[in-house]
Full PDB file with SEQRES, HELIX, SHEET, SSBOND, CRYST1, ORIGX, SCALE, CONECT and MASTER records, all heavy atoms in Angstrom:
SEQRES   1 A   42  GLU THR ARG HIS GLY ILE GLU VAL VAL ARG GLN PHE ASP          
SEQRES   2 A   42  ASP ARG GLU VAL ARG ILE CYS GLY SER GLU PRO GLN LEU          
SEQRES   3 A   42  SER GLN VAL PHE VAL ASN LEU VAL VAL ASN ALA ALA GLN          
SEQRES   4 A   42  ALA LEU ASP                                                  
HELIX    1 AA1 GLU A   23  LEU A   41  1                                  19    
CRYST1    1.000    1.000    1.000  90.00  90.00  90.00 P 1           1          
ORIGX1      1.000000  0.000000  0.000000        0.00000                         
ORIGX2      0.000000  1.000000  0.000000        0.00000                         
ORIGX3      0.000000  0.000000  1.000000        0.00000                         
SCALE1      1.000000  0.000000  0.000000        0.00000                         
SCALE2      0.000000  1.000000  0.000000        0.00000                         
SCALE3      0.000000  0.000000  1.000000        0.00000                         
ATOM      1  N   GLU A   1     -11.275  -0.443  -3.553  1.00  0.00           N  
ATOM      2  CA  GLU A   1     -11.317   1.002  -3.326  1.00  0.00           C  
ATOM      3  C   GLU A   1     -10.590   1.772  -4.423  1.00  0.00           C  
ATOM      4  O   GLU A   1     -10.843   2.965  -4.609  1.00  0.00           O  
ATOM      5  CB  GLU A   1     -10.686   1.342  -1.968  1.00  0.00           C  
ATOM      6  CG  GLU A   1     -11.439   0.832  -0.757  1.00  0.00           C  
ATOM      7  CD  GLU A   1     -12.665   1.658  -0.443  1.00  0.00           C  
ATOM      8  OE1 GLU A   1     -12.840   2.717  -1.082  1.00  0.00           O  
ATOM      9  OE2 GLU A   1     -13.453   1.245   0.434  1.00  0.00           O  
ATOM     10  N   THR A   2      -9.669   1.114  -5.115  1.00  0.00           N  
ATOM     11  CA  THR A   2      -8.813   1.832  -6.071  1.00  0.00           C  
ATOM     12  C   THR A   2      -9.100   1.506  -7.527  1.00  0.00           C  
ATOM     13  O   THR A   2      -8.490   2.105  -8.419  1.00  0.00           O  
ATOM     14  CB  THR A   2      -7.335   1.504  -5.786  1.00  0.00           C  
ATOM     15  OG1 THR A   2      -7.122   0.086  -5.960  1.00  0.00           O  
ATOM     16  CG2 THR A   2      -6.954   1.896  -4.377  1.00  0.00           C  
ATOM     17  N   ARG A   3     -10.015   0.577  -7.806  1.00  0.00           N  
ATOM     18  CA  ARG A   3     -10.172   0.099  -9.185  1.00  0.00           C  
ATOM     19  C   ARG A   3     -10.908   1.089 -10.084  1.00  0.00           C  
ATOM     20  O   ARG A   3     -10.822   0.989 -11.301  1.00  0.00           O  
ATOM     21  CB  ARG A   3     -10.900  -1.239  -9.188  1.00  0.00           C  
ATOM     22  CG  ARG A   3     -12.298  -1.193  -8.600  1.00  0.00           C  
ATOM     23  CD  ARG A   3     -12.912  -2.571  -8.578  1.00  0.00           C  
ATOM     24  NE  ARG A   3     -14.221  -2.569  -7.917  1.00  0.00           N  
ATOM     25  CZ  ARG A   3     -14.972  -3.652  -7.783  1.00  0.00           C  
ATOM     26  NH1 ARG A   3     -14.535  -4.811  -8.252  1.00  0.00           N  
ATOM     27  NH2 ARG A   3     -16.137  -3.580  -7.183  1.00  0.00           N  
ATOM     28  N   HIS A   4     -11.648   2.037  -9.514  1.00  0.00           N  
ATOM     29  CA  HIS A   4     -12.432   2.956 -10.338  1.00  0.00           C  
ATOM     30  C   HIS A   4     -11.829   4.362 -10.279  1.00  0.00           C  
ATOM     31  O   HIS A   4     -11.982   5.077  -9.289  1.00  0.00           O  
ATOM     32  CB  HIS A   4     -13.888   3.009  -9.872  1.00  0.00           C  
ATOM     33  CG  HIS A   4     -14.594   1.691  -9.978  1.00  0.00           C  
ATOM     34  ND1 HIS A   4     -14.755   1.030 -11.167  1.00  0.00           N  
ATOM     35  CD2 HIS A   4     -15.185   0.921  -9.040  1.00  0.00           C  
ATOM     36  CE1 HIS A   4     -15.410  -0.100 -10.971  1.00  0.00           C  
ATOM     37  NE2 HIS A   4     -15.682  -0.192  -9.684  1.00  0.00           N  
ATOM     38  N   GLY A   5     -11.126   4.755 -11.304  1.00  0.00           N  
ATOM     39  CA  GLY A   5     -10.675   6.139 -11.442  1.00  0.00           C  
ATOM     40  C   GLY A   5      -9.461   6.521 -10.634  1.00  0.00           C  
ATOM     41  O   GLY A   5      -9.065   7.687 -10.654  1.00  0.00           O  
ATOM     42  N   ILE A   6      -8.832   5.598  -9.896  1.00  0.00           N  
ATOM     43  CA  ILE A   6      -7.659   5.926  -9.086  1.00  0.00           C  
ATOM     44  C   ILE A   6      -6.444   5.203  -9.660  1.00  0.00           C  
ATOM     45  O   ILE A   6      -6.449   3.988  -9.842  1.00  0.00           O  
ATOM     46  CB  ILE A   6      -7.868   5.533  -7.615  1.00  0.00           C  
ATOM     47  CG1 ILE A   6      -9.001   6.367  -7.007  1.00  0.00           C  
ATOM     48  CG2 ILE A   6      -6.589   5.728  -6.810  1.00  0.00           C  
ATOM     49  CD1 ILE A   6      -9.314   6.028  -5.579  1.00  0.00           C  
ATOM     50  N   GLU A   7      -5.403   5.958  -9.936  1.00  0.00           N  
ATOM     51  CA  GLU A   7      -4.158   5.408 -10.473  1.00  0.00           C  
ATOM     52  C   GLU A   7      -3.205   5.094  -9.324  1.00  0.00           C  
ATOM     53  O   GLU A   7      -2.944   5.954  -8.466  1.00  0.00           O  
ATOM     54  CB  GLU A   7      -3.510   6.404 -11.431  1.00  0.00           C  
ATOM     55  CG  GLU A   7      -2.192   5.924 -12.007  1.00  0.00           C  
ATOM     56  CD  GLU A   7      -1.497   6.994 -12.831  1.00  0.00           C  
ATOM     57  OE1 GLU A   7      -2.035   8.134 -12.880  1.00  0.00           O  
ATOM     58  OE2 GLU A   7      -0.435   6.709 -13.400  1.00  0.00           O  
ATOM     59  N   VAL A   8      -2.694   3.876  -9.289  1.00  0.00           N  
ATOM     60  CA  VAL A   8      -1.725   3.474  -8.271  1.00  0.00           C  
ATOM     61  C   VAL A   8      -0.358   3.356  -8.932  1.00  0.00           C  
ATOM     62  O   VAL A   8      -0.170   2.553  -9.861  1.00  0.00           O  
ATOM     63  CB  VAL A   8      -2.113   2.136  -7.611  1.00  0.00           C  
ATOM     64  CG1 VAL A   8      -1.060   1.724  -6.597  1.00  0.00           C  
ATOM     65  CG2 VAL A   8      -3.480   2.251  -6.937  1.00  0.00           C  
ATOM     66  N   VAL A   9       0.580   4.166  -8.465  1.00  0.00           N  
ATOM     67  CA  VAL A   9       1.927   4.199  -9.037  1.00  0.00           C  
ATOM     68  C   VAL A   9       2.898   3.566  -8.057  1.00  0.00           C  
ATOM     69  O   VAL A   9       2.950   3.945  -6.883  1.00  0.00           O  
ATOM     70  CB  VAL A   9       2.354   5.649  -9.353  1.00  0.00           C  
ATOM     71  CG1 VAL A   9       3.780   5.675  -9.912  1.00  0.00           C  
ATOM     72  CG2 VAL A   9       1.385   6.295 -10.321  1.00  0.00           C  
ATOM     73  N   ARG A  10       3.671   2.593  -8.532  1.00  0.00           N  
ATOM     74  CA  ARG A  10       4.681   1.921  -7.706  1.00  0.00           C  
ATOM     75  C   ARG A  10       6.061   2.445  -8.077  1.00  0.00           C  
ATOM     76  O   ARG A  10       6.451   2.399  -9.253  1.00  0.00           O  
ATOM     77  CB  ARG A  10       4.613   0.419  -7.916  1.00  0.00           C  
ATOM     78  CG  ARG A  10       3.300  -0.219  -7.479  1.00  0.00           C  
ATOM     79  CD  ARG A  10       3.194  -1.628  -8.016  1.00  0.00           C  
ATOM     80  NE  ARG A  10       2.006  -2.341  -7.579  1.00  0.00           N  
ATOM     81  CZ  ARG A  10       0.800  -2.219  -8.134  1.00  0.00           C  
ATOM     82  NH1 ARG A  10       0.636  -1.380  -9.150  1.00  0.00           N  
ATOM     83  NH2 ARG A  10      -0.214  -2.911  -7.677  1.00  0.00           N  
ATOM     84  N   GLN A  11       6.796   2.913  -7.098  1.00  0.00           N  
ATOM     85  CA  GLN A  11       8.182   3.352  -7.285  1.00  0.00           C  
ATOM     86  C   GLN A  11       9.041   2.594  -6.281  1.00  0.00           C  
ATOM     87  O   GLN A  11       9.494   3.131  -5.269  1.00  0.00           O  
ATOM     88  CB  GLN A  11       8.302   4.871  -7.091  1.00  0.00           C  
ATOM     89  CG  GLN A  11       7.502   5.689  -8.103  1.00  0.00           C  
ATOM     90  CD  GLN A  11       7.562   7.182  -7.835  1.00  0.00           C  
ATOM     91  OE1 GLN A  11       8.105   7.643  -6.824  1.00  0.00           O  
ATOM     92  NE2 GLN A  11       7.008   7.972  -8.759  1.00  0.00           N  
ATOM     93  N   PHE A  12       9.246   1.324  -6.566  1.00  0.00           N  
ATOM     94  CA  PHE A  12       9.906   0.429  -5.622  1.00  0.00           C  
ATOM     95  C   PHE A  12      11.421   0.439  -5.819  1.00  0.00           C  
ATOM     96  O   PHE A  12      11.918   0.510  -6.949  1.00  0.00           O  
ATOM     97  CB  PHE A  12       9.400  -1.002  -5.781  1.00  0.00           C  
ATOM     98  CG  PHE A  12       7.969  -1.197  -5.333  1.00  0.00           C  
ATOM     99  CD1 PHE A  12       7.299  -2.372  -5.608  1.00  0.00           C  
ATOM    100  CD2 PHE A  12       7.293  -0.198  -4.636  1.00  0.00           C  
ATOM    101  CE1 PHE A  12       5.984  -2.568  -5.207  1.00  0.00           C  
ATOM    102  CE2 PHE A  12       5.992  -0.368  -4.222  1.00  0.00           C  
ATOM    103  CZ  PHE A  12       5.329  -1.558  -4.519  1.00  0.00           C  
ATOM    104  N   ASP A  13      12.145   0.331  -4.719  1.00  0.00           N  
ATOM    105  CA  ASP A  13      13.590   0.104  -4.738  1.00  0.00           C  
ATOM    106  C   ASP A  13      13.833  -1.295  -5.317  1.00  0.00           C  
ATOM    107  O   ASP A  13      13.230  -2.274  -4.877  1.00  0.00           O  
ATOM    108  CB  ASP A  13      14.149   0.203  -3.315  1.00  0.00           C  
ATOM    109  CG  ASP A  13      15.668   0.321  -3.308  1.00  0.00           C  
ATOM    110  OD1 ASP A  13      16.320  -0.491  -3.989  1.00  0.00           O  
ATOM    111  OD2 ASP A  13      16.189   1.203  -2.598  1.00  0.00           O  
ATOM    112  N   ASP A  14      14.709  -1.391  -6.326  1.00  0.00           N  
ATOM    113  CA  ASP A  14      14.882  -2.667  -7.024  1.00  0.00           C  
ATOM    114  C   ASP A  14      15.823  -3.630  -6.309  1.00  0.00           C  
ATOM    115  O   ASP A  14      16.044  -4.753  -6.781  1.00  0.00           O  
ATOM    116  CB  ASP A  14      15.373  -2.429  -8.454  1.00  0.00           C  
ATOM    117  CG  ASP A  14      16.649  -1.594  -8.502  1.00  0.00           C  
ATOM    118  OD1 ASP A  14      17.178  -1.269  -7.414  1.00  0.00           O  
ATOM    119  OD2 ASP A  14      17.105  -1.278  -9.611  1.00  0.00           O  
ATOM    120  N   ARG A  15      16.388  -3.221  -5.158  1.00  0.00           N  
ATOM    121  CA  ARG A  15      17.247  -4.143  -4.423  1.00  0.00           C  
ATOM    122  C   ARG A  15      16.424  -5.093  -3.566  1.00  0.00           C  
ATOM    123  O   ARG A  15      15.364  -4.718  -3.061  1.00  0.00           O  
ATOM    124  CB  ARG A  15      18.219  -3.360  -3.532  1.00  0.00           C  
ATOM    125  CG  ARG A  15      19.384  -2.761  -4.304  1.00  0.00           C  
ATOM    126  CD  ARG A  15      20.142  -1.778  -3.456  1.00  0.00           C  
ATOM    127  NE  ARG A  15      19.339  -0.580  -3.184  1.00  0.00           N  
ATOM    128  CZ  ARG A  15      19.833   0.512  -2.619  1.00  0.00           C  
ATOM    129  NH1 ARG A  15      21.097   0.542  -2.244  1.00  0.00           N  
ATOM    130  NH2 ARG A  15      19.075   1.563  -2.412  1.00  0.00           N  
ATOM    131  N   GLU A  16      16.927  -6.279  -3.375  1.00  0.00           N  
ATOM    132  CA  GLU A  16      16.260  -7.272  -2.533  1.00  0.00           C  
ATOM    133  C   GLU A  16      16.691  -7.053  -1.088  1.00  0.00           C  
ATOM    134  O   GLU A  16      17.845  -7.279  -0.739  1.00  0.00           O  
ATOM    135  CB  GLU A  16      16.608  -8.692  -2.994  1.00  0.00           C  
ATOM    136  CG  GLU A  16      16.041  -9.049  -4.351  1.00  0.00           C  
ATOM    137  CD  GLU A  16      16.287 -10.507  -4.706  1.00  0.00           C  
ATOM    138  OE1 GLU A  16      16.841 -11.227  -3.845  1.00  0.00           O  
ATOM    139  OE2 GLU A  16      15.938 -10.908  -5.827  1.00  0.00           O  
ATOM    140  N   VAL A  17      15.762  -6.611  -0.270  1.00  0.00           N  
ATOM    141  CA  VAL A  17      16.051  -6.375   1.151  1.00  0.00           C  
ATOM    142  C   VAL A  17      15.002  -7.089   1.978  1.00  0.00           C  
ATOM    143  O   VAL A  17      13.899  -7.380   1.510  1.00  0.00           O  
ATOM    144  CB  VAL A  17      16.050  -4.866   1.485  1.00  0.00           C  
ATOM    145  CG1 VAL A  17      17.211  -4.164   0.823  1.00  0.00           C  
ATOM    146  CG2 VAL A  17      14.735  -4.218   1.065  1.00  0.00           C  
ATOM    147  N   ARG A  18      15.352  -7.364   3.227  1.00  0.00           N  
ATOM    148  CA  ARG A  18      14.465  -8.081   4.132  1.00  0.00           C  
ATOM    149  C   ARG A  18      14.183  -7.246   5.367  1.00  0.00           C  
ATOM    150  O   ARG A  18      15.053  -6.536   5.877  1.00  0.00           O  
ATOM    151  CB  ARG A  18      15.081  -9.419   4.541  1.00  0.00           C  
ATOM    152  CG  ARG A  18      15.218 -10.397   3.385  1.00  0.00           C  
ATOM    153  CD  ARG A  18      13.891 -11.023   3.077  1.00  0.00           C  
ATOM    154  NE  ARG A  18      13.929 -11.889   1.894  1.00  0.00           N  
ATOM    155  CZ  ARG A  18      12.923 -12.636   1.495  1.00  0.00           C  
ATOM    156  NH1 ARG A  18      11.784 -12.630   2.171  1.00  0.00           N  
ATOM    157  NH2 ARG A  18      13.024 -13.382   0.419  1.00  0.00           N  
ATOM    158  N   ILE A  19      12.947  -7.351   5.828  1.00  0.00           N  
ATOM    159  CA  ILE A  19      12.502  -6.684   7.056  1.00  0.00           C  
ATOM    160  C   ILE A  19      12.160  -7.766   8.072  1.00  0.00           C  
ATOM    161  O   ILE A  19      11.522  -8.768   7.734  1.00  0.00           O  
ATOM    162  CB  ILE A  19      11.265  -5.807   6.802  1.00  0.00           C  
ATOM    163  CG1 ILE A  19      11.579  -4.720   5.786  1.00  0.00           C  
ATOM    164  CG2 ILE A  19      10.740  -5.189   8.106  1.00  0.00           C  
ATOM    165  CD1 ILE A  19      12.564  -3.691   6.264  1.00  0.00           C  
ATOM    166  N   CYS A  20      12.562  -7.562   9.318  1.00  0.00           N  
ATOM    167  CA  CYS A  20      12.174  -8.488  10.378  1.00  0.00           C  
ATOM    168  C   CYS A  20      10.851  -8.015  10.961  1.00  0.00           C  
ATOM    169  O   CYS A  20      10.781  -6.950  11.582  1.00  0.00           O  
ATOM    170  CB  CYS A  20      13.244  -8.542  11.472  1.00  0.00           C  
ATOM    171  SG  CYS A  20      12.853  -9.729  12.791  1.00  0.00           S  
ATOM    172  N   GLY A  21       9.802  -8.782  10.732  1.00  0.00           N  
ATOM    173  CA  GLY A  21       8.505  -8.358  11.232  1.00  0.00           C  
ATOM    174  C   GLY A  21       7.423  -9.370  10.944  1.00  0.00           C  
ATOM    175  O   GLY A  21       7.694 -10.525  10.588  1.00  0.00           O  
ATOM    176  N   SER A  22       6.181  -8.929  11.095  1.00  0.00           N  
ATOM    177  CA  SER A  22       5.014  -9.764  10.867  1.00  0.00           C  
ATOM    178  C   SER A  22       4.361  -9.336   9.562  1.00  0.00           C  
ATOM    179  O   SER A  22       3.908  -8.186   9.434  1.00  0.00           O  
ATOM    180  CB  SER A  22       4.031  -9.627  12.031  1.00  0.00           C  
ATOM    181  OG  SER A  22       2.785 -10.189  11.707  1.00  0.00           O  
ATOM    182  N   GLU A  23       4.312 -10.217   8.592  1.00  0.00           N  
ATOM    183  CA  GLU A  23       3.731  -9.888   7.300  1.00  0.00           C  
ATOM    184  C   GLU A  23       2.258  -9.500   7.394  1.00  0.00           C  
ATOM    185  O   GLU A  23       1.843  -8.498   6.797  1.00  0.00           O  
ATOM    186  CB  GLU A  23       3.917 -11.064   6.326  1.00  0.00           C  
ATOM    187  CG  GLU A  23       3.407 -10.753   4.929  1.00  0.00           C  
ATOM    188  CD  GLU A  23       3.769 -11.826   3.935  1.00  0.00           C  
ATOM    189  OE1 GLU A  23       4.646 -12.654   4.253  1.00  0.00           O  
ATOM    190  OE2 GLU A  23       3.177 -11.830   2.847  1.00  0.00           O  
ATOM    191  N   PRO A  24       1.412 -10.235   8.141  1.00  0.00           N  
ATOM    192  CA  PRO A  24       0.001  -9.831   8.216  1.00  0.00           C  
ATOM    193  C   PRO A  24      -0.199  -8.487   8.889  1.00  0.00           C  
ATOM    194  O   PRO A  24      -1.066  -7.707   8.493  1.00  0.00           O  
ATOM    195  CB  PRO A  24      -0.656 -10.965   9.013  1.00  0.00           C  
ATOM    196  CG  PRO A  24       0.448 -11.641   9.726  1.00  0.00           C  
ATOM    197  CD  PRO A  24       1.639 -11.512   8.840  1.00  0.00           C  
ATOM    198  N   GLN A  25       0.602  -8.190   9.917  1.00  0.00           N  
ATOM    199  CA  GLN A  25       0.442  -6.907  10.605  1.00  0.00           C  
ATOM    200  C   GLN A  25       0.855  -5.745   9.712  1.00  0.00           C  
ATOM    201  O   GLN A  25       0.161  -4.722   9.633  1.00  0.00           O  
ATOM    202  CB  GLN A  25       1.267  -6.899  11.893  1.00  0.00           C  
ATOM    203  CG  GLN A  25       0.739  -7.847  12.964  1.00  0.00           C  
ATOM    204  CD  GLN A  25       1.576  -7.816  14.227  1.00  0.00           C  
ATOM    205  OE1 GLN A  25       2.353  -6.898  14.443  1.00  0.00           O  
ATOM    206  NE2 GLN A  25       1.416  -8.836  15.064  1.00  0.00           N  
ATOM    207  N   LEU A  26       1.986  -5.879   9.008  1.00  0.00           N  
ATOM    208  CA  LEU A  26       2.415  -4.800   8.119  1.00  0.00           C  
ATOM    209  C   LEU A  26       1.462  -4.656   6.938  1.00  0.00           C  
ATOM    210  O   LEU A  26       1.209  -3.536   6.468  1.00  0.00           O  
ATOM    211  CB  LEU A  26       3.833  -5.068   7.633  1.00  0.00           C  
ATOM    212  CG  LEU A  26       4.927  -4.935   8.698  1.00  0.00           C  
ATOM    213  CD1 LEU A  26       6.280  -5.332   8.133  1.00  0.00           C  
ATOM    214  CD2 LEU A  26       4.993  -3.513   9.251  1.00  0.00           C  
ATOM    215  N   SER A  27       0.912  -5.773   6.452  1.00  0.00           N  
ATOM    216  CA  SER A  27      -0.090  -5.688   5.387  1.00  0.00           C  
ATOM    217  C   SER A  27      -1.296  -4.891   5.849  1.00  0.00           C  
ATOM    218  O   SER A  27      -1.881  -4.112   5.086  1.00  0.00           O  
ATOM    219  CB  SER A  27      -0.518  -7.093   4.959  1.00  0.00           C  
ATOM    220  OG  SER A  27       0.550  -7.790   4.353  1.00  0.00           O  
ATOM    221  N   GLN A  28      -1.676  -5.068   7.129  1.00  0.00           N  
ATOM    222  CA  GLN A  28      -2.795  -4.318   7.675  1.00  0.00           C  
ATOM    223  C   GLN A  28      -2.502  -2.823   7.659  1.00  0.00           C  
ATOM    224  O   GLN A  28      -3.371  -2.009   7.340  1.00  0.00           O  
ATOM    225  CB  GLN A  28      -3.088  -4.786   9.104  1.00  0.00           C  
ATOM    226  CG  GLN A  28      -4.272  -4.078   9.753  1.00  0.00           C  
ATOM    227  CD  GLN A  28      -4.558  -4.596  11.150  1.00  0.00           C  
ATOM    228  OE1 GLN A  28      -3.886  -5.499  11.639  1.00  0.00           O  
ATOM    229  NE2 GLN A  28      -5.557  -4.032  11.787  1.00  0.00           N  
ATOM    230  N   VAL A  29      -1.258  -2.438   7.969  1.00  0.00           N  
ATOM    231  CA  VAL A  29      -0.879  -1.017   7.949  1.00  0.00           C  
ATOM    232  C   VAL A  29      -1.031  -0.451   6.540  1.00  0.00           C  
ATOM    233  O   VAL A  29      -1.630   0.618   6.344  1.00  0.00           O  
ATOM    234  CB  VAL A  29       0.574  -0.842   8.440  1.00  0.00           C  
ATOM    235  CG1 VAL A  29       1.033   0.603   8.237  1.00  0.00           C  
ATOM    236  CG2 VAL A  29       0.685  -1.222   9.908  1.00  0.00           C  
ATOM    237  N   PHE A  30      -0.510  -1.169   5.539  1.00  0.00           N  
ATOM    238  CA  PHE A  30      -0.565  -0.662   4.166  1.00  0.00           C  
ATOM    239  C   PHE A  30      -2.001  -0.626   3.641  1.00  0.00           C  
ATOM    240  O   PHE A  30      -2.359   0.283   2.880  1.00  0.00           O  
ATOM    241  CB  PHE A  30       0.325  -1.521   3.264  1.00  0.00           C  
ATOM    242  CG  PHE A  30       1.770  -1.515   3.691  1.00  0.00           C  
ATOM    243  CD1 PHE A  30       2.502  -2.692   3.745  1.00  0.00           C  
ATOM    244  CD2 PHE A  30       2.391  -0.336   4.055  1.00  0.00           C  
ATOM    245  CE1 PHE A  30       3.825  -2.689   4.141  1.00  0.00           C  
ATOM    246  CE2 PHE A  30       3.722  -0.315   4.455  1.00  0.00           C  
ATOM    247  CZ  PHE A  30       4.442  -1.502   4.512  1.00  0.00           C  
ATOM    248  N   VAL A  31      -2.822  -1.589   4.049  1.00  0.00           N  
ATOM    249  CA  VAL A  31      -4.232  -1.553   3.663  1.00  0.00           C  
ATOM    250  C   VAL A  31      -4.894  -0.294   4.217  1.00  0.00           C  
ATOM    251  O   VAL A  31      -5.633   0.415   3.510  1.00  0.00           O  
ATOM    252  CB  VAL A  31      -4.970  -2.811   4.154  1.00  0.00           C  
ATOM    253  CG1 VAL A  31      -6.487  -2.628   4.032  1.00  0.00           C  
ATOM    254  CG2 VAL A  31      -4.549  -4.028   3.346  1.00  0.00           C  
ATOM    255  N   ASN A  32      -4.646   0.008   5.487  1.00  0.00           N  
ATOM    256  CA  ASN A  32      -5.241   1.196   6.098  1.00  0.00           C  
ATOM    257  C   ASN A  32      -4.834   2.463   5.349  1.00  0.00           C  
ATOM    258  O   ASN A  32      -5.668   3.335   5.061  1.00  0.00           O  
ATOM    259  CB  ASN A  32      -4.816   1.299   7.564  1.00  0.00           C  
ATOM    260  CG  ASN A  32      -5.497   0.276   8.442  1.00  0.00           C  
ATOM    261  OD1 ASN A  32      -6.584  -0.205   8.132  1.00  0.00           O  
ATOM    262  ND2 ASN A  32      -4.874  -0.078   9.551  1.00  0.00           N  
ATOM    263  N   LEU A  33      -3.544   2.580   5.020  1.00  0.00           N  
ATOM    264  CA  LEU A  33      -3.065   3.791   4.352  1.00  0.00           C  
ATOM    265  C   LEU A  33      -3.639   3.915   2.942  1.00  0.00           C  
ATOM    266  O   LEU A  33      -4.049   5.001   2.521  1.00  0.00           O  
ATOM    267  CB  LEU A  33      -1.541   3.785   4.308  1.00  0.00           C  
ATOM    268  CG  LEU A  33      -0.808   3.862   5.655  1.00  0.00           C  
ATOM    269  CD1 LEU A  33       0.697   3.896   5.443  1.00  0.00           C  
ATOM    270  CD2 LEU A  33      -1.257   5.069   6.459  1.00  0.00           C  
ATOM    271  N   VAL A  34      -3.670   2.813   2.206  1.00  0.00           N  
ATOM    272  CA  VAL A  34      -4.176   2.857   0.834  1.00  0.00           C  
ATOM    273  C   VAL A  34      -5.679   3.148   0.816  1.00  0.00           C  
ATOM    274  O   VAL A  34      -6.160   3.958   0.019  1.00  0.00           O  
ATOM    275  CB  VAL A  34      -3.859   1.539   0.107  1.00  0.00           C  
ATOM    276  CG1 VAL A  34      -4.558   1.506  -1.257  1.00  0.00           C  
ATOM    277  CG2 VAL A  34      -2.357   1.384  -0.078  1.00  0.00           C  
ATOM    278  N   VAL A  35      -6.439   2.489   1.709  1.00  0.00           N  
ATOM    279  CA  VAL A  35      -7.881   2.712   1.767  1.00  0.00           C  
ATOM    280  C   VAL A  35      -8.183   4.152   2.159  1.00  0.00           C  
ATOM    281  O   VAL A  35      -9.063   4.808   1.568  1.00  0.00           O  
ATOM    282  CB  VAL A  35      -8.544   1.722   2.746  1.00  0.00           C  
ATOM    283  CG1 VAL A  35      -9.991   2.122   3.017  1.00  0.00           C  
ATOM    284  CG2 VAL A  35      -8.491   0.310   2.172  1.00  0.00           C  
ATOM    285  N   ASN A  36      -7.458   4.693   3.151  1.00  0.00           N  
ATOM    286  CA  ASN A  36      -7.665   6.090   3.550  1.00  0.00           C  
ATOM    287  C   ASN A  36      -7.385   7.046   2.389  1.00  0.00           C  
ATOM    288  O   ASN A  36      -8.118   8.006   2.152  1.00  0.00           O  
ATOM    289  CB  ASN A  36      -6.763   6.437   4.735  1.00  0.00           C  
ATOM    290  CG  ASN A  36      -7.267   5.854   6.039  1.00  0.00           C  
ATOM    291  OD1 ASN A  36      -8.393   5.371   6.119  1.00  0.00           O  
ATOM    292  ND2 ASN A  36      -6.441   5.885   7.068  1.00  0.00           N  
ATOM    293  N   ALA A  37      -6.284   6.773   1.675  1.00  0.00           N  
ATOM    294  CA  ALA A  37      -5.941   7.637   0.535  1.00  0.00           C  
ATOM    295  C   ALA A  37      -7.007   7.546  -0.547  1.00  0.00           C  
ATOM    296  O   ALA A  37      -7.422   8.569  -1.120  1.00  0.00           O  
ATOM    297  CB  ALA A  37      -4.574   7.241  -0.019  1.00  0.00           C  
ATOM    298  N   ALA A  38      -7.485   6.340  -0.839  1.00  0.00           N  
ATOM    299  CA  ALA A  38      -8.506   6.168  -1.875  1.00  0.00           C  
ATOM    300  C   ALA A  38      -9.805   6.861  -1.502  1.00  0.00           C  
ATOM    301  O   ALA A  38     -10.453   7.497  -2.339  1.00  0.00           O  
ATOM    302  CB  ALA A  38      -8.746   4.676  -2.113  1.00  0.00           C  
ATOM    303  N   GLN A  39     -10.186   6.757  -0.233  1.00  0.00           N  
ATOM    304  CA  GLN A  39     -11.419   7.413   0.204  1.00  0.00           C  
ATOM    305  C   GLN A  39     -11.280   8.926   0.186  1.00  0.00           C  
ATOM    306  O   GLN A  39     -12.242   9.639  -0.095  1.00  0.00           O  
ATOM    307  CB  GLN A  39     -11.791   6.918   1.597  1.00  0.00           C  
ATOM    308  CG  GLN A  39     -12.243   5.459   1.619  1.00  0.00           C  
ATOM    309  CD  GLN A  39     -12.557   4.963   3.004  1.00  0.00           C  
ATOM    310  OE1 GLN A  39     -12.254   5.610   4.005  1.00  0.00           O  
ATOM    311  NE2 GLN A  39     -13.174   3.786   3.090  1.00  0.00           N  
ATOM    312  N   ALA A  40     -10.080   9.428   0.459  1.00  0.00           N  
ATOM    313  CA  ALA A  40      -9.854  10.879   0.388  1.00  0.00           C  
ATOM    314  C   ALA A  40      -9.941  11.363  -1.066  1.00  0.00           C  
ATOM    315  O   ALA A  40     -10.421  12.467  -1.334  1.00  0.00           O  
ATOM    316  CB  ALA A  40      -8.497  11.228   0.987  1.00  0.00           C  
ATOM    317  N   LEU A  41      -9.474  10.550  -2.005  1.00  0.00           N  
ATOM    318  CA  LEU A  41      -9.518  10.925  -3.424  1.00  0.00           C  
ATOM    319  C   LEU A  41     -10.926  10.864  -3.995  1.00  0.00           C  
ATOM    320  O   LEU A  41     -11.215  11.495  -5.009  1.00  0.00           O  
ATOM    321  CB  LEU A  41      -8.599  10.002  -4.226  1.00  0.00           C  
ATOM    322  CG  LEU A  41      -7.101  10.171  -3.953  1.00  0.00           C  
ATOM    323  CD1 LEU A  41      -6.317   9.084  -4.665  1.00  0.00           C  
ATOM    324  CD2 LEU A  41      -6.621  11.536  -4.399  1.00  0.00           C  
ATOM    325  N   ASP A  42     -11.790  10.077  -3.361  1.00  0.00           N  
ATOM    326  CA  ASP A  42     -13.198   9.986  -3.763  1.00  0.00           C  
ATOM    327  C   ASP A  42     -13.344   9.592  -5.229  1.00  0.00           C  
ATOM    328  O   ASP A  42     -14.104  10.194  -5.989  1.00  0.00           O  
ATOM    329  CB  ASP A  42     -13.910  11.316  -3.485  1.00  0.00           C  
ATOM    330  CG  ASP A  42     -15.437  11.170  -3.509  1.00  0.00           C  
ATOM    331  OD1 ASP A  42     -15.924  10.032  -3.353  1.00  0.00           O  
ATOM    332  OD2 ASP A  42     -16.123  12.193  -3.692  1.00  0.00           O  
TER     333      ASP A  42                                                      
MASTER        0    0    0    1    0    0    0    6  332    1    0    4          
END                                                                             
């Protein structure tokens, strides 16, 4: 969804921190947000 004409900028915190959770479930959340944003940008 993002490879054609959409710039993805990462501004990550450089500290190593851990979250207690489910990696596949949180990945699903980020996929939904990124895909929605990409489709809105058209």
